Amino acid sequence: MALVNRGARLITVDGTAYRWRLRGRPSYDQGLVRSPLTYAVEHTDTPGTTLVVATNQPHPSNWFGTQGSPILPAQVADSIRTALTDGWTPESPGSPFHLDQSAGFVSSH
């Protein structure tokens, strides 16, 4: 499933262009700060398998005002490199590839 272009940001990692996007509104569990912020990444030219990254921070639009740090392009680039090392093949079709980087996430409620 391809990412929606609206709100997607472009990033080039090691000469390859990708698109990444945060979910604008939190899911129910993200809104309650029960689950961490996630974002999705896909290859720009040949979208295949989507990378889904779980971070260790809350969604910025959570309903309790719990503060988190912004997701920086350097973090996205590091996640892409890690996923590629772990076997993510962005140009091949398939189920989403999940990268769990949520170690240290603490539910506040």
C-alpha atoms as a PDB file:
ATOM      1  CA  MET A   1       0.000   0.000   0.000  1.00  0.00           C
ATOM      2  CA  ALA A   2       1.500   3.314  -1.062  1.00  0.00           C
ATOM      3  CA  LEU A   3       1.786   6.328   1.207  1.00  0.00           C
ATOM      4  CA  VAL A   4      -0.421   9.315   0.630  1.00  0.00           C
ATOM      5  CA  ASN A   5       1.642  12.079  -0.984  1.00  0.00           C
ATOM      6  CA  ARG A   6       0.002  14.803   1.059  1.00  0.00           C
ATOM      7  CA  GLY A   7       2.134  15.490   4.104  1.00  0.00           C
ATOM      8  CA  ALA A   8       4.901  13.127   2.996  1.00  0.00           C
ATOM      9  CA  ARG A   9       8.470  14.366   3.209  1.00  0.00           C
ATOM     10  CA  LEU A  10      11.304  13.426   0.903  1.00  0.00           C
ATOM     11  CA  ILE A  11      14.649  12.178   2.150  1.00  0.00           C
ATOM     12  CA  THR A  12      17.671  10.843   0.301  1.00  0.00           C
ATOM     13  CA  VAL A  13      19.689   8.161   2.066  1.00  0.00           C
ATOM     14  CA  ASP A  14      22.906   6.919   0.498  1.00  0.00           C
ATOM     15  CA  GLY A  15      21.791   8.153  -2.928  1.00  0.00           C
ATOM     16  CA  THR A  16      18.299   6.620  -2.830  1.00  0.00           C
ATOM     17  CA  ALA A  17      15.161   8.748  -2.526  1.00  0.00           C
ATOM     18  CA  TYR A  18      12.484   7.806   0.008  1.00  0.00           C
ATOM     19  CA  ARG A  19       9.253   9.330   1.240  1.00  0.00           C
ATOM     20  CA  TRP A  20       8.264   9.301   4.903  1.00  0.00           C
ATOM     21  CA  ARG A  21       5.143  10.370   6.715  1.00  0.00           C
ATOM     22  CA  LEU A  22       3.792  10.683  10.233  1.00  0.00           C
ATOM     23  CA  ARG A  23       0.167   9.970  10.881  1.00  0.00           C
ATOM     24  CA  GLY A  24      -1.475  13.382  11.376  1.00  0.00           C
ATOM     25  CA  ARG A  25      -3.940  12.303  14.018  1.00  0.00           C
ATOM     26  CA  PRO A  26      -2.982   9.808  16.683  1.00  0.00           C
ATOM     27  CA  SER A  27      -4.554   6.379  16.808  1.00  0.00           C
ATOM     28  CA  TYR A  28      -6.682   5.746  19.906  1.00  0.00           C
ATOM     29  CA  ASP A  29      -3.801   4.124  21.820  1.00  0.00           C
ATOM     30  CA  GLN A  30      -1.376   6.827  20.690  1.00  0.00           C
ATOM     31  CA  GLY A  31      -3.824   9.490  21.841  1.00  0.00           C
ATOM     32  CA  LEU A  32      -3.922   7.866  25.276  1.00  0.00           C
ATOM     33  CA  VAL A  33      -0.102   7.543  25.256  1.00  0.00           C
ATOM     34  CA  ARG A  34      -0.396   3.756  25.476  1.00  0.00           C
ATOM     35  CA  SER A  35       1.556   3.148  22.293  1.00  0.00           C
ATOM     36  CA  PRO A  36       4.430   5.092  20.723  1.00  0.00           C
ATOM     37  CA  LEU A  37       4.566   7.338  17.698  1.00  0.00           C
ATOM     38  CA  THR A  38       5.038   5.490  14.422  1.00  0.00           C
ATOM     39  CA  TYR A  39       5.915   6.676  10.945  1.00  0.00           C
ATOM     40  CA  ALA A  40       6.037   5.040   7.536  1.00  0.00           C
ATOM     41  CA  VAL A  41       8.727   5.089   4.839  1.00  0.00           C
ATOM     42  CA  GLU A  42       8.664   3.930   1.231  1.00  0.00           C
ATOM     43  CA  HIS A  43      10.871   4.045  -1.841  1.00  0.00           C
ATOM     44  CA  THR A  44       9.954   7.115  -3.927  1.00  0.00           C
ATOM     45  CA  ASP A  45      10.317   5.725  -7.450  1.00  0.00           C
ATOM     46  CA  THR A  46       9.266   2.108  -6.927  1.00  0.00           C
ATOM     47  CA  PRO A  47       7.067   1.813  -3.825  1.00  0.00           C
ATOM     48  CA  GLY A  48       6.989  -1.783  -2.681  1.00  0.00           C
ATOM     49  CA  THR A  49       7.212  -2.872   0.925  1.00  0.00           C
ATOM     50  CA  THR A  50       6.466  -0.070   3.373  1.00  0.00           C
ATOM     51  CA  LEU A  51       8.703   0.375   6.399  1.00  0.00           C
ATOM     52  CA  VAL A  52       6.794   1.085   9.623  1.00  0.00           C
ATOM     53  CA  VAL A  53       8.982   2.469  12.421  1.00  0.00           C
ATOM     54  CA  ALA A  54       7.835   2.491  16.054  1.00  0.00           C
ATOM     55  CA  THR A  55       9.682   5.198  17.990  1.00  0.00           C
ATOM     56  CA  ASN A  56      10.249   5.545  21.723  1.00  0.00           C
ATOM     57  CA  GLN A  57       8.234   8.744  22.101  1.00  0.00           C
ATOM     58  CA  PRO A  58       4.568   9.757  22.241  1.00  0.00           C
ATOM     59  CA  HIS A  59       2.582  11.108  19.318  1.00  0.00           C
ATOM     60  CA  PRO A  60       2.833  14.935  19.408  1.00  0.00           C
ATOM     61  CA  SER A  61      -0.968  15.280  19.174  1.00  0.00           C
ATOM     62  CA  ASN A  62      -1.744  12.986  22.107  1.00  0.00           C
ATOM     63  CA  TRP A  63      -4.706  13.942  24.274  1.00  0.00           C
ATOM     64  CA  PHE A  64      -2.753  14.410  27.503  1.00  0.00           C
ATOM     65  CA  GLY A  65      -0.210  16.937  26.255  1.00  0.00           C
ATOM     66  CA  THR A  66       2.692  14.595  26.957  1.00  0.00           C
ATOM     67  CA  GLN A  67       5.700  16.121  25.238  1.00  0.00           C
ATOM     68  CA  GLY A  68       7.887  14.235  22.822  1.00  0.00           C
ATOM     69  CA  SER A  69      10.796  15.216  20.625  1.00  0.00           C
ATOM     70  CA  PRO A  70      10.267  15.918  16.929  1.00  0.00           C
ATOM     71  CA  ILE A  71      11.300  13.239  14.468  1.00  0.00           C
ATOM     72  CA  LEU A  72      14.375  14.561  12.705  1.00  0.00           C
ATOM     73  CA  PRO A  73      15.501  13.582   9.205  1.00  0.00           C
ATOM     74  CA  ALA A  74      18.722  12.151  10.684  1.00  0.00           C
ATOM     75  CA  GLN A  75      16.623   9.748  12.792  1.00  0.00           C
ATOM     76  CA  VAL A  76      14.630   8.707   9.735  1.00  0.00           C
ATOM     77  CA  ALA A  77      17.850   8.126   7.780  1.00  0.00           C
ATOM     78  CA  ASP A  78      19.263   5.999  10.624  1.00  0.00           C
ATOM     79  CA  SER A  79      16.042   3.972  10.761  1.00  0.00           C
ATOM     80  CA  ILE A  80      16.164   3.380   7.003  1.00  0.00           C
ATOM     81  CA  ARG A  81      19.775   2.185   7.202  1.00  0.00           C
ATOM     82  CA  THR A  82      18.927  -0.100  10.129  1.00  0.00           C
ATOM     83  CA  ALA A  83      15.931  -1.574   8.311  1.00  0.00           C
ATOM     84  CA  LEU A  84      17.967  -2.181   5.161  1.00  0.00           C
ATOM     85  CA  THR A  85      20.576  -3.987   7.258  1.00  0.00           C
ATOM     86  CA  ASP A  86      17.793  -6.030   8.906  1.00  0.00           C
ATOM     87  CA  GLY A  87      16.431  -7.179   5.538  1.00  0.00           C
ATOM     88  CA  TRP A  88      13.933  -4.538   4.386  1.00  0.00           C
ATOM     89  CA  THR A  89      13.637  -4.577   0.591  1.00  0.00           C
ATOM     90  CA  PRO A  90      11.804  -1.335  -0.250  1.00  0.00           C
ATOM     91  CA  GLU A  91      11.348  -2.020  -3.970  1.00  0.00           C
ATOM     92  CA  SER A  92       9.869  -5.503  -3.559  1.00  0.00           C
ATOM     93  CA  PRO A  93       6.141  -5.974  -2.954  1.00  0.00           C
ATOM     94  CA  GLY A  94       5.087  -7.491   0.325  1.00  0.00           C
ATOM     95  CA  SER A  95       3.709  -6.942   3.786  1.00  0.00           C
ATOM     96  CA  PRO A  96       4.908  -3.924   5.786  1.00  0.00           C
ATOM     97  CA  PHE A  97       8.322  -4.301   7.389  1.00  0.00           C
ATOM     98  CA  HIS A  98       8.172  -3.355  11.079  1.00  0.00           C
ATOM     99  CA  LEU A  99      11.168  -1.803  12.804  1.00  0.00           C
ATOM    100  CA  ASP A 100      10.691  -1.578  16.560  1.00  0.00           C
ATOM    101  CA  GLN A 101      12.731   1.215  18.098  1.00  0.00           C
ATOM    102  CA  SER A 102      10.361   1.695  21.016  1.00  0.00           C
ATOM    103  CA  ALA A 103      12.785   0.612  23.752  1.00  0.00           C
ATOM    104  CA  GLY A 104      12.449   3.151  26.528  1.00  0.00           C
ATOM    105  CA  PHE A 105       8.868   4.199  25.703  1.00  0.00           C
ATOM    106  CA  VAL A 106       6.928   4.674  28.914  1.00  0.00           C
ATOM    107  CA  SER A 107       3.147   4.849  28.856  1.00  0.00           C
ATOM    108  CA  SER A 108       2.111   7.810  30.974  1.00  0.00           C
ATOM    109  CA  HIS A 109      -1.403   6.523  31.681  1.00  0.00           C
END
